[in-house]
Amino acid sequence: MRDAVSARSRGRWWLPFRMVWEDGDQHRWAGPLAVVGLAVGALLAVLGLPPVDLHGPLHYAGVMAPLCGATRGVHAAMRGDLATGWRYNPLSIVLVMGAAAAVLREAVGRLRGRWLNVRVTHRKAAVVTGGALLAVLEVNQQEHADLLRTGSDAAPSAWLLLSVTMPLAAGIVLLTVLVVRRVNRA
């Protein structure tokens, strides 16, 4: 309660996350995962894109997933072309910058013995914010479908398919959350 009152008095009561310097690393997986991710990104930048087509069936119907274009976006970002990376997938820039920040966090934590940990303070606000950002990313990706499409055939029914698949996906996520809550209560 004291944290909530002090945060409210500082005007940050609505933020879903809080960063805290602590003696222990609460995110031990972040540093090694970021190093591996940056190494793979560097390989992409040097060797080029892989010759593998990993798309779901809806991609060929014109429905772009939120991660469509992320490999090409990371490739561009690791080569220093942030504008192209952003066009392919804005999440690719966030991934590269986030991995660099995680490596920096790891280095500072090992040198100082204190770690910058992220705490979720308001779970509902974090879930709503994440859902809203995911929806915005999905709309962005769908609007760039011509850029992201791998085949040459056009699919004008993509927006219709998207209007069917998005509510289904939201329903599946909602059911999963409800089942997990019920299992945790039991």
Protein backbone atom coordinates (compact mmCIF):
# COMPACT_ATOMS: atom_id res chain seq x y z
CA MET A 1 0.00 0.00 0.00
CA ARG A 2 2.85 2.35 0.83
CA ASP A 3 4.35 1.86 -2.68
CA ALA A 4 0.98 2.65 -4.25
CA VAL A 5 0.60 5.82 -2.19
CA SER A 6 4.14 7.01 -2.95
CA ALA A 7 3.75 6.22 -6.67
CA ARG A 8 0.40 7.99 -6.73
CA SER A 9 1.89 11.07 -5.10
CA ARG A 10 4.65 11.12 -7.75
CA GLY A 11 2.09 10.94 -10.57
CA ARG A 12 3.11 7.47 -11.85
CA TRP A 13 0.30 5.38 -10.37
CA TRP A 14 -0.99 4.35 -13.80
CA LEU A 15 2.29 2.88 -15.14
CA PRO A 16 2.04 -0.91 -15.53
CA PHE A 17 5.77 -1.49 -14.91
CA ARG A 18 8.35 -0.33 -12.40
CA MET A 19 12.13 -0.56 -12.67
CA VAL A 20 14.04 -1.33 -9.46
CA TRP A 21 17.74 -1.73 -8.68
CA GLU A 22 18.17 -4.92 -6.62
CA ASP A 23 20.94 -7.16 -5.37
CA GLY A 24 19.69 -10.20 -7.31
CA ASP A 25 19.02 -10.74 -11.01
CA GLN A 26 15.34 -11.57 -11.43
CA HIS A 27 15.68 -11.96 -15.21
CA ARG A 28 18.64 -14.33 -15.56
CA TRP A 29 17.47 -15.51 -18.97
CA ALA A 30 17.43 -12.01 -20.54
CA GLY A 31 21.18 -11.43 -20.94
CA PRO A 32 22.11 -14.79 -22.50
CA LEU A 33 19.04 -14.73 -24.74
CA ALA A 34 19.93 -11.20 -25.91
CA VAL A 35 23.51 -12.24 -26.69
CA VAL A 36 22.27 -15.18 -28.77
CA GLY A 37 19.70 -12.96 -30.50
CA LEU A 38 22.28 -10.30 -31.38
CA ALA A 39 24.67 -13.00 -32.64
CA VAL A 40 21.95 -14.40 -34.90
CA GLY A 41 21.13 -10.86 -36.04
CA ALA A 42 24.79 -10.24 -36.84
CA LEU A 43 24.87 -13.47 -38.87
CA LEU A 44 21.76 -12.28 -40.74
CA ALA A 45 23.47 -8.96 -41.46
CA VAL A 46 26.62 -10.64 -42.78
CA LEU A 47 25.24 -13.73 -44.52
CA GLY A 48 21.86 -12.41 -45.65
CA LEU A 49 18.34 -13.73 -45.24
CA PRO A 50 17.71 -17.47 -44.91
CA PRO A 51 16.23 -19.24 -47.94
CA VAL A 52 13.41 -20.68 -45.80
CA ASP A 53 9.76 -19.67 -46.14
CA LEU A 54 8.13 -20.00 -42.69
CA HIS A 55 4.63 -18.62 -43.19
CA GLY A 56 1.29 -19.89 -42.02
CA PRO A 57 -1.50 -20.69 -44.46
CA LEU A 58 -3.28 -17.37 -43.85
CA HIS A 59 -0.20 -15.51 -45.11
CA TYR A 60 -0.79 -16.90 -48.59
CA ALA A 61 -4.40 -15.71 -48.37
CA GLY A 62 -3.14 -12.19 -47.64
CA VAL A 63 -3.49 -12.08 -43.85
CA MET A 64 -0.25 -10.87 -42.30
CA ALA A 65 0.66 -11.99 -38.78
CA PRO A 66 2.17 -9.54 -36.27
CA LEU A 67 5.60 -11.14 -36.79
CA CYS A 68 5.50 -11.00 -40.60
CA GLY A 69 8.53 -9.13 -41.86
CA ALA A 70 10.39 -9.37 -38.54
CA THR A 71 13.30 -11.36 -40.01
CA ARG A 72 13.72 -8.90 -42.87
CA GLY A 73 13.30 -6.03 -40.39
CA VAL A 74 16.00 -7.38 -38.05
CA HIS A 75 18.25 -7.95 -41.06
CA ALA A 76 17.83 -4.31 -42.09
CA ALA A 77 18.20 -2.99 -38.53
CA MET A 78 21.39 -4.95 -37.93
CA ARG A 79 22.79 -3.47 -41.15
CA GLY A 80 21.98 0.00 -39.82
CA ASP A 81 18.95 0.69 -42.01
CA LEU A 82 16.39 1.45 -39.30
CA ALA A 83 13.87 3.01 -41.70
CA THR A 84 13.64 -0.17 -43.78
CA GLY A 85 13.53 -2.29 -40.63
CA TRP A 86 10.64 -0.16 -39.35
CA ARG A 87 8.77 -0.52 -42.65
CA TYR A 88 9.05 -4.32 -42.59
CA ASN A 89 8.05 -4.63 -38.93
CA PRO A 90 8.30 -2.01 -36.17
CA LEU A 91 8.78 -4.83 -33.68
CA SER A 92 12.14 -5.67 -35.29
CA ILE A 93 13.60 -2.33 -34.14
CA VAL A 94 12.22 -2.94 -30.64
CA LEU A 95 13.80 -6.42 -30.63
CA VAL A 96 17.25 -5.16 -31.68
CA MET A 97 17.22 -2.20 -29.28
CA GLY A 98 15.79 -4.34 -26.48
CA ALA A 99 18.49 -6.97 -26.97
CA ALA A 100 21.19 -4.28 -26.87
CA ALA A 101 19.62 -2.88 -23.66
CA ALA A 102 19.51 -6.37 -22.12
CA VAL A 103 23.21 -6.92 -22.90
CA LEU A 104 24.01 -3.52 -21.36
CA ARG A 105 21.91 -4.44 -18.30
CA GLU A 106 23.81 -7.71 -18.01
CA ALA A 107 27.19 -5.95 -18.21
CA VAL A 108 26.25 -3.29 -15.65
CA GLY A 109 24.75 -5.89 -13.33
CA ARG A 110 27.87 -8.08 -13.43
CA LEU A 111 30.18 -5.09 -12.89
CA ARG A 112 28.21 -3.42 -10.09
CA GLY A 113 26.59 -6.45 -8.47
CA ARG A 114 23.19 -4.73 -8.65
CA TRP A 115 20.59 -5.50 -11.28
CA LEU A 116 17.91 -3.38 -12.89
CA ASN A 117 14.78 -5.54 -12.57
CA VAL A 118 11.39 -4.83 -14.11
CA ARG A 119 8.33 -5.43 -11.94
CA VAL A 120 4.74 -5.55 -13.15
CA THR A 121 2.81 -3.20 -10.86
CA HIS A 122 -0.58 -3.24 -12.56
CA ARG A 123 -1.26 -6.50 -14.38
CA LYS A 124 -4.53 -5.39 -15.99
CA ALA A 125 -2.95 -2.21 -17.36
CA ALA A 126 -0.02 -4.25 -18.72
CA VAL A 127 -2.36 -6.72 -20.44
CA VAL A 128 -4.55 -3.97 -21.91
CA THR A 129 -1.50 -2.02 -23.10
CA GLY A 130 0.04 -5.15 -24.63
CA GLY A 131 -3.23 -6.05 -26.35
CA ALA A 132 -3.65 -2.55 -27.74
CA LEU A 133 -0.06 -2.50 -29.05
CA LEU A 134 -0.55 -5.93 -30.62
CA ALA A 135 -3.74 -4.76 -32.35
CA VAL A 136 -1.99 -1.64 -33.68
CA LEU A 137 0.92 -3.79 -34.91
CA GLU A 138 -1.51 -6.17 -36.64
CA VAL A 139 -3.26 -3.30 -38.43
CA ASN A 140 0.13 -1.88 -39.46
CA GLN A 141 1.26 -5.23 -40.81
CA GLN A 142 -1.99 -5.71 -42.71
CA GLU A 143 -1.65 -2.26 -44.28
CA HIS A 144 1.85 -3.25 -45.47
CA ALA A 145 0.68 -6.59 -46.87
CA ASP A 146 1.98 -5.80 -50.37
CA LEU A 147 5.47 -5.24 -48.97
CA LEU A 148 5.34 -8.36 -46.78
CA ARG A 149 3.78 -10.74 -49.28
CA THR A 150 6.16 -13.42 -50.54
CA GLY A 151 4.12 -14.53 -53.54
CA SER A 152 3.06 -12.41 -56.49
CA ASP A 153 -0.64 -13.24 -56.34
CA ALA A 154 -2.97 -10.66 -54.80
CA ALA A 155 -5.59 -11.55 -52.22
CA PRO A 156 -8.25 -8.83 -51.97
CA SER A 157 -10.20 -10.84 -49.40
CA ALA A 158 -7.46 -10.46 -46.79
CA TRP A 159 -9.31 -7.81 -44.77
CA LEU A 160 -12.39 -10.07 -44.70
CA LEU A 161 -10.31 -13.02 -43.50
CA LEU A 162 -8.63 -10.79 -40.92
CA SER A 163 -12.00 -9.66 -39.57
CA VAL A 164 -12.84 -13.33 -38.95
CA THR A 165 -9.49 -14.54 -37.61
CA MET A 166 -8.82 -11.67 -35.17
CA PRO A 167 -11.98 -12.25 -33.06
CA LEU A 168 -11.27 -15.99 -33.11
CA ALA A 169 -7.72 -15.39 -31.90
CA ALA A 170 -8.99 -12.99 -29.21
CA GLY A 171 -11.50 -15.62 -28.09
CA ILE A 172 -8.80 -18.28 -27.85
CA VAL A 173 -6.58 -15.97 -25.80
CA LEU A 174 -9.49 -15.09 -23.50
CA LEU A 175 -10.41 -18.75 -22.99
CA THR A 176 -6.77 -19.59 -22.25
CA VAL A 177 -6.56 -16.83 -19.64
CA LEU A 178 -9.80 -18.01 -18.01
CA VAL A 179 -8.64 -21.64 -17.91
CA VAL A 180 -5.26 -20.67 -16.42
CA ARG A 181 -7.00 -18.57 -13.75
CA ARG A 182 -9.35 -21.43 -12.89
CA VAL A 183 -6.44 -23.87 -12.62
CA ASN A 184 -4.47 -21.45 -10.40
CA ARG A 185 -7.46 -20.99 -8.06
CA ALA A 186 -7.97 -24.72 -7.65
